Amino acid sequence: MRALKAELQIRSNTEFLLDAMPLFHWAVSERKRGHRIISESANGERRMLVFPRLERVAPEPVLPRVEIQWTERELRSLGELASALKPAARHKP
Protein backbone atom coordinates (compact mmCIF):
# COMPACT_ATOMS: atom_id res chain seq x y z
CA MET A 1 0.00 0.00 0.00
CA ARG A 2 2.89 2.33 0.80
CA ALA A 3 4.39 1.80 -2.67
CA LEU A 4 1.07 2.58 -4.35
CA LYS A 5 0.56 5.65 -2.22
CA ALA A 6 4.04 6.88 -3.13
CA GLU A 7 3.55 6.16 -6.83
CA LEU A 8 0.23 8.02 -6.85
CA GLN A 9 1.58 10.78 -4.60
CA ILE A 10 -1.06 10.12 -1.96
CA ARG A 11 -0.15 11.13 1.59
CA SER A 12 -2.76 9.48 3.80
CA ASN A 13 -4.57 6.16 4.04
CA THR A 14 -7.85 8.07 4.06
CA GLU A 15 -7.04 9.76 0.77
CA PHE A 16 -5.97 6.40 -0.66
CA LEU A 17 -9.26 4.75 0.35
CA LEU A 18 -11.30 7.69 -0.95
CA ASP A 19 -9.70 7.15 -4.36
CA ALA A 20 -9.76 3.35 -4.26
CA MET A 21 -13.39 2.90 -3.19
CA PRO A 22 -15.03 4.31 -6.35
CA LEU A 23 -12.80 2.11 -8.52
CA PHE A 24 -13.65 -0.98 -6.48
CA HIS A 25 -17.35 -0.05 -6.45
CA TRP A 26 -17.29 0.29 -10.24
CA ALA A 27 -15.57 -3.10 -10.63
CA VAL A 28 -18.18 -4.79 -8.41
CA SER A 29 -21.09 -3.22 -10.30
CA GLU A 30 -19.60 -4.25 -13.66
CA ARG A 31 -19.17 -7.90 -12.59
CA LYS A 32 -22.70 -7.93 -11.12
CA ARG A 33 -23.95 -6.99 -14.58
CA GLY A 34 -21.96 -9.85 -16.06
CA HIS A 35 -19.37 -7.59 -17.67
CA ARG A 36 -15.71 -8.60 -17.82
CA ILE A 37 -13.05 -6.08 -16.88
CA ILE A 38 -10.38 -5.86 -19.55
CA SER A 39 -7.35 -3.66 -20.08
CA GLU A 40 -6.24 -2.97 -23.63
CA SER A 41 -2.80 -1.80 -24.72
CA ALA A 42 -2.19 0.72 -27.48
CA ASN A 43 -1.50 -2.12 -29.94
CA GLY A 44 -4.75 -3.93 -29.10
CA GLU A 45 -3.39 -6.58 -26.73
CA ARG A 46 -6.04 -7.40 -24.13
CA ARG A 47 -5.77 -8.75 -20.61
CA MET A 48 -8.75 -9.71 -18.49
CA LEU A 49 -8.81 -8.98 -14.76
CA VAL A 50 -9.01 -12.20 -12.74
CA PHE A 51 -10.00 -11.34 -9.19
CA PRO A 52 -11.74 -14.13 -7.23
CA ARG A 53 -13.60 -11.82 -4.87
CA LEU A 54 -15.25 -10.08 -7.84
CA GLU A 55 -16.34 -13.43 -9.25
CA ARG A 56 -18.48 -13.93 -6.14
CA VAL A 57 -20.86 -11.22 -7.37
CA ALA A 58 -20.87 -12.23 -11.04
CA PRO A 59 -24.09 -13.84 -12.27
CA GLU A 60 -24.10 -17.56 -12.87
CA PRO A 61 -23.79 -18.40 -16.54
CA VAL A 62 -27.03 -19.53 -18.12
CA LEU A 63 -26.36 -22.75 -19.96
CA PRO A 64 -28.73 -24.15 -22.56
CA ARG A 65 -30.74 -27.13 -21.42
CA VAL A 66 -31.91 -29.93 -23.64
CA GLU A 67 -34.33 -32.57 -22.48
CA ILE A 68 -34.42 -35.87 -24.36
CA GLN A 69 -37.39 -38.18 -24.05
CA TRP A 70 -35.80 -41.63 -24.24
CA THR A 71 -37.89 -44.70 -24.97
CA GLU A 72 -37.40 -47.91 -22.97
CA ARG A 73 -35.78 -49.52 -26.01
CA GLU A 74 -33.35 -46.62 -26.47
CA LEU A 75 -32.37 -46.67 -22.81
CA ARG A 76 -31.82 -50.43 -22.90
CA SER A 77 -29.68 -50.06 -26.04
CA LEU A 78 -27.66 -47.24 -24.47
CA GLY A 79 -27.08 -49.36 -21.36
CA GLU A 80 -25.89 -52.26 -23.48
CA LEU A 81 -23.50 -50.01 -25.40
CA ALA A 82 -22.12 -48.49 -22.21
CA SER A 83 -21.63 -51.94 -20.65
CA ALA A 84 -19.81 -53.20 -23.73
CA LEU A 85 -17.25 -50.37 -23.73
CA LYS A 86 -13.81 -51.26 -22.49
CA PRO A 87 -12.06 -48.83 -20.17
CA ALA A 88 -9.63 -46.57 -22.03
CA ALA A 89 -6.04 -47.75 -21.89
CA ARG A 90 -3.86 -45.62 -19.68
CA HIS A 91 -1.15 -43.75 -21.50
CA LYS A 92 2.23 -43.49 -19.90
CA PRO A 93 3.99 -40.16 -20.37
C-alpha atoms as a PDB file:
ATOM      1  CA  MET A   1       0.000   0.000   0.000  1.00  0.00           C
ATOM      2  CA  ARG A   2       2.888   2.328   0.798  1.00  0.00           C
ATOM      3  CA  ALA A   3       4.385   1.804  -2.672  1.00  0.00           C
ATOM      4  CA  LEU A   4       1.065   2.577  -4.351  1.00  0.00           C
ATOM      5  CA  LYS A   5       0.564   5.647  -2.224  1.00  0.00           C
ATOM      6  CA  ALA A   6       4.036   6.881  -3.130  1.00  0.00           C
ATOM      7  CA  GLU A   7       3.554   6.162  -6.834  1.00  0.00           C
ATOM      8  CA  LEU A   8       0.230   8.018  -6.849  1.00  0.00           C
ATOM      9  CA  GLN A   9       1.577  10.776  -4.597  1.00  0.00           C
ATOM     10  CA  ILE A  10      -1.058  10.117  -1.957  1.00  0.00           C
ATOM     11  CA  ARG A  11      -0.154  11.132   1.588  1.00  0.00           C
ATOM     12  CA  SER A  12      -2.763   9.478   3.799  1.00  0.00           C
ATOM     13  CA  ASN A  13      -4.567   6.161   4.041  1.00  0.00           C
ATOM     14  CA  THR A  14      -7.854   8.074   4.061  1.00  0.00           C
ATOM     15  CA  GLU A  15      -7.037   9.759   0.768  1.00  0.00           C
ATOM     16  CA  PHE A  16      -5.968   6.399  -0.662  1.00  0.00           C
ATOM     17  CA  LEU A  17      -9.259   4.753   0.354  1.00  0.00           C
ATOM     18  CA  LEU A  18     -11.298   7.691  -0.954  1.00  0.00           C
ATOM     19  CA  ASP A  19      -9.699   7.152  -4.364  1.00  0.00           C
ATOM     20  CA  ALA A  20      -9.762   3.348  -4.261  1.00  0.00           C
ATOM     21  CA  MET A  21     -13.393   2.895  -3.191  1.00  0.00           C
ATOM     22  CA  PRO A  22     -15.027   4.312  -6.352  1.00  0.00           C
ATOM     23  CA  LEU A  23     -12.802   2.107  -8.517  1.00  0.00           C
ATOM     24  CA  PHE A  24     -13.652  -0.981  -6.479  1.00  0.00           C
ATOM     25  CA  HIS A  25     -17.354  -0.048  -6.449  1.00  0.00           C
ATOM     26  CA  TRP A  26     -17.291   0.289 -10.238  1.00  0.00           C
ATOM     27  CA  ALA A  27     -15.571  -3.100 -10.628  1.00  0.00           C
ATOM     28  CA  VAL A  28     -18.183  -4.792  -8.411  1.00  0.00           C
ATOM     29  CA  SER A  29     -21.090  -3.223 -10.304  1.00  0.00           C
ATOM     30  CA  GLU A  30     -19.598  -4.246 -13.664  1.00  0.00           C
ATOM     31  CA  ARG A  31     -19.173  -7.901 -12.588  1.00  0.00           C
ATOM     32  CA  LYS A  32     -22.702  -7.935 -11.119  1.00  0.00           C
ATOM     33  CA  ARG A  33     -23.953  -6.986 -14.579  1.00  0.00           C
ATOM     34  CA  GLY A  34     -21.959  -9.852 -16.058  1.00  0.00           C
ATOM     35  CA  HIS A  35     -19.365  -7.590 -17.668  1.00  0.00           C
ATOM     36  CA  ARG A  36     -15.715  -8.597 -17.818  1.00  0.00           C
ATOM     37  CA  ILE A  37     -13.047  -6.085 -16.879  1.00  0.00           C
ATOM     38  CA  ILE A  38     -10.381  -5.864 -19.554  1.00  0.00           C
ATOM     39  CA  SER A  39      -7.353  -3.658 -20.077  1.00  0.00           C
ATOM     40  CA  GLU A  40      -6.243  -2.974 -23.627  1.00  0.00           C
ATOM     41  CA  SER A  41      -2.805  -1.804 -24.720  1.00  0.00           C
ATOM     42  CA  ALA A  42      -2.194   0.721 -27.477  1.00  0.00           C
ATOM     43  CA  ASN A  43      -1.503  -2.123 -29.937  1.00  0.00           C
ATOM     44  CA  GLY A  44      -4.753  -3.933 -29.100  1.00  0.00           C
ATOM     45  CA  GLU A  45      -3.386  -6.580 -26.728  1.00  0.00           C
ATOM     46  CA  ARG A  46      -6.038  -7.397 -24.127  1.00  0.00           C
ATOM     47  CA  ARG A  47      -5.774  -8.751 -20.611  1.00  0.00           C
ATOM     48  CA  MET A  48      -8.746  -9.710 -18.489  1.00  0.00           C
ATOM     49  CA  LEU A  49      -8.814  -8.985 -14.763  1.00  0.00           C
ATOM     50  CA  VAL A  50      -9.007 -12.196 -12.739  1.00  0.00           C
ATOM     51  CA  PHE A  51     -10.000 -11.341  -9.188  1.00  0.00           C
ATOM     52  CA  PRO A  52     -11.740 -14.131  -7.235  1.00  0.00           C
ATOM     53  CA  ARG A  53     -13.603 -11.815  -4.871  1.00  0.00           C
ATOM     54  CA  LEU A  54     -15.246 -10.084  -7.841  1.00  0.00           C
ATOM     55  CA  GLU A  55     -16.344 -13.431  -9.248  1.00  0.00           C
ATOM     56  CA  ARG A  56     -18.481 -13.930  -6.141  1.00  0.00           C
ATOM     57  CA  VAL A  57     -20.857 -11.219  -7.367  1.00  0.00           C
ATOM     58  CA  ALA A  58     -20.867 -12.232 -11.045  1.00  0.00           C
ATOM     59  CA  PRO A  59     -24.091 -13.839 -12.273  1.00  0.00           C
ATOM     60  CA  GLU A  60     -24.099 -17.558 -12.869  1.00  0.00           C
ATOM     61  CA  PRO A  61     -23.791 -18.399 -16.542  1.00  0.00           C
ATOM     62  CA  VAL A  62     -27.033 -19.527 -18.123  1.00  0.00           C
ATOM     63  CA  LEU A  63     -26.362 -22.750 -19.963  1.00  0.00           C
ATOM     64  CA  PRO A  64     -28.730 -24.150 -22.555  1.00  0.00           C
ATOM     65  CA  ARG A  65     -30.739 -27.133 -21.421  1.00  0.00           C
ATOM     66  CA  VAL A  66     -31.915 -29.925 -23.641  1.00  0.00           C
ATOM     67  CA  GLU A  67     -34.333 -32.572 -22.479  1.00  0.00           C
ATOM     68  CA  ILE A  68     -34.420 -35.866 -24.355  1.00  0.00           C
ATOM     69  CA  GLN A  69     -37.389 -38.176 -24.049  1.00  0.00           C
ATOM     70  CA  TRP A  70     -35.803 -41.627 -24.241  1.00  0.00           C
ATOM     71  CA  THR A  71     -37.893 -44.700 -24.972  1.00  0.00           C
ATOM     72  CA  GLU A  72     -37.395 -47.910 -22.970  1.00  0.00           C
ATOM     73  CA  ARG A  73     -35.785 -49.515 -26.010  1.00  0.00           C
ATOM     74  CA  GLU A  74     -33.347 -46.618 -26.472  1.00  0.00           C
ATOM     75  CA  LEU A  75     -32.368 -46.666 -22.807  1.00  0.00           C
ATOM     76  CA  ARG A  76     -31.816 -50.427 -22.901  1.00  0.00           C
ATOM     77  CA  SER A  77     -29.678 -50.057 -26.039  1.00  0.00           C
ATOM     78  CA  LEU A  78     -27.661 -47.242 -24.473  1.00  0.00           C
ATOM     79  CA  GLY A  79     -27.083 -49.358 -21.357  1.00  0.00           C
ATOM     80  CA  GLU A  80     -25.886 -52.262 -23.478  1.00  0.00           C
ATOM     81  CA  LEU A  81     -23.502 -50.011 -25.398  1.00  0.00           C
ATOM     82  CA  ALA A  82     -22.116 -48.492 -22.208  1.00  0.00           C
ATOM     83  CA  SER A  83     -21.633 -51.936 -20.650  1.00  0.00           C
ATOM     84  CA  ALA A  84     -19.806 -53.200 -23.729  1.00  0.00           C
ATOM     85  CA  LEU A  85     -17.254 -50.369 -23.728  1.00  0.00           C
ATOM     86  CA  LYS A  86     -13.813 -51.265 -22.488  1.00  0.00           C
ATOM     87  CA  PRO A  87     -12.060 -48.828 -20.169  1.00  0.00           C
ATOM     88  CA  ALA A  88      -9.635 -46.566 -22.031  1.00  0.00           C
ATOM     89  CA  ALA A  89      -6.042 -47.747 -21.885  1.00  0.00           C
ATOM     90  CA  ARG A  90      -3.860 -45.619 -19.678  1.00  0.00           C
ATOM     91  CA  HIS A  91      -1.152 -43.751 -21.499  1.00  0.00           C
ATOM     92  CA  LYS A  92       2.229 -43.487 -19.896  1.00  0.00           C
ATOM     93  CA  PRO A  93       3.987 -40.156 -20.366  1.00  0.00           C
END
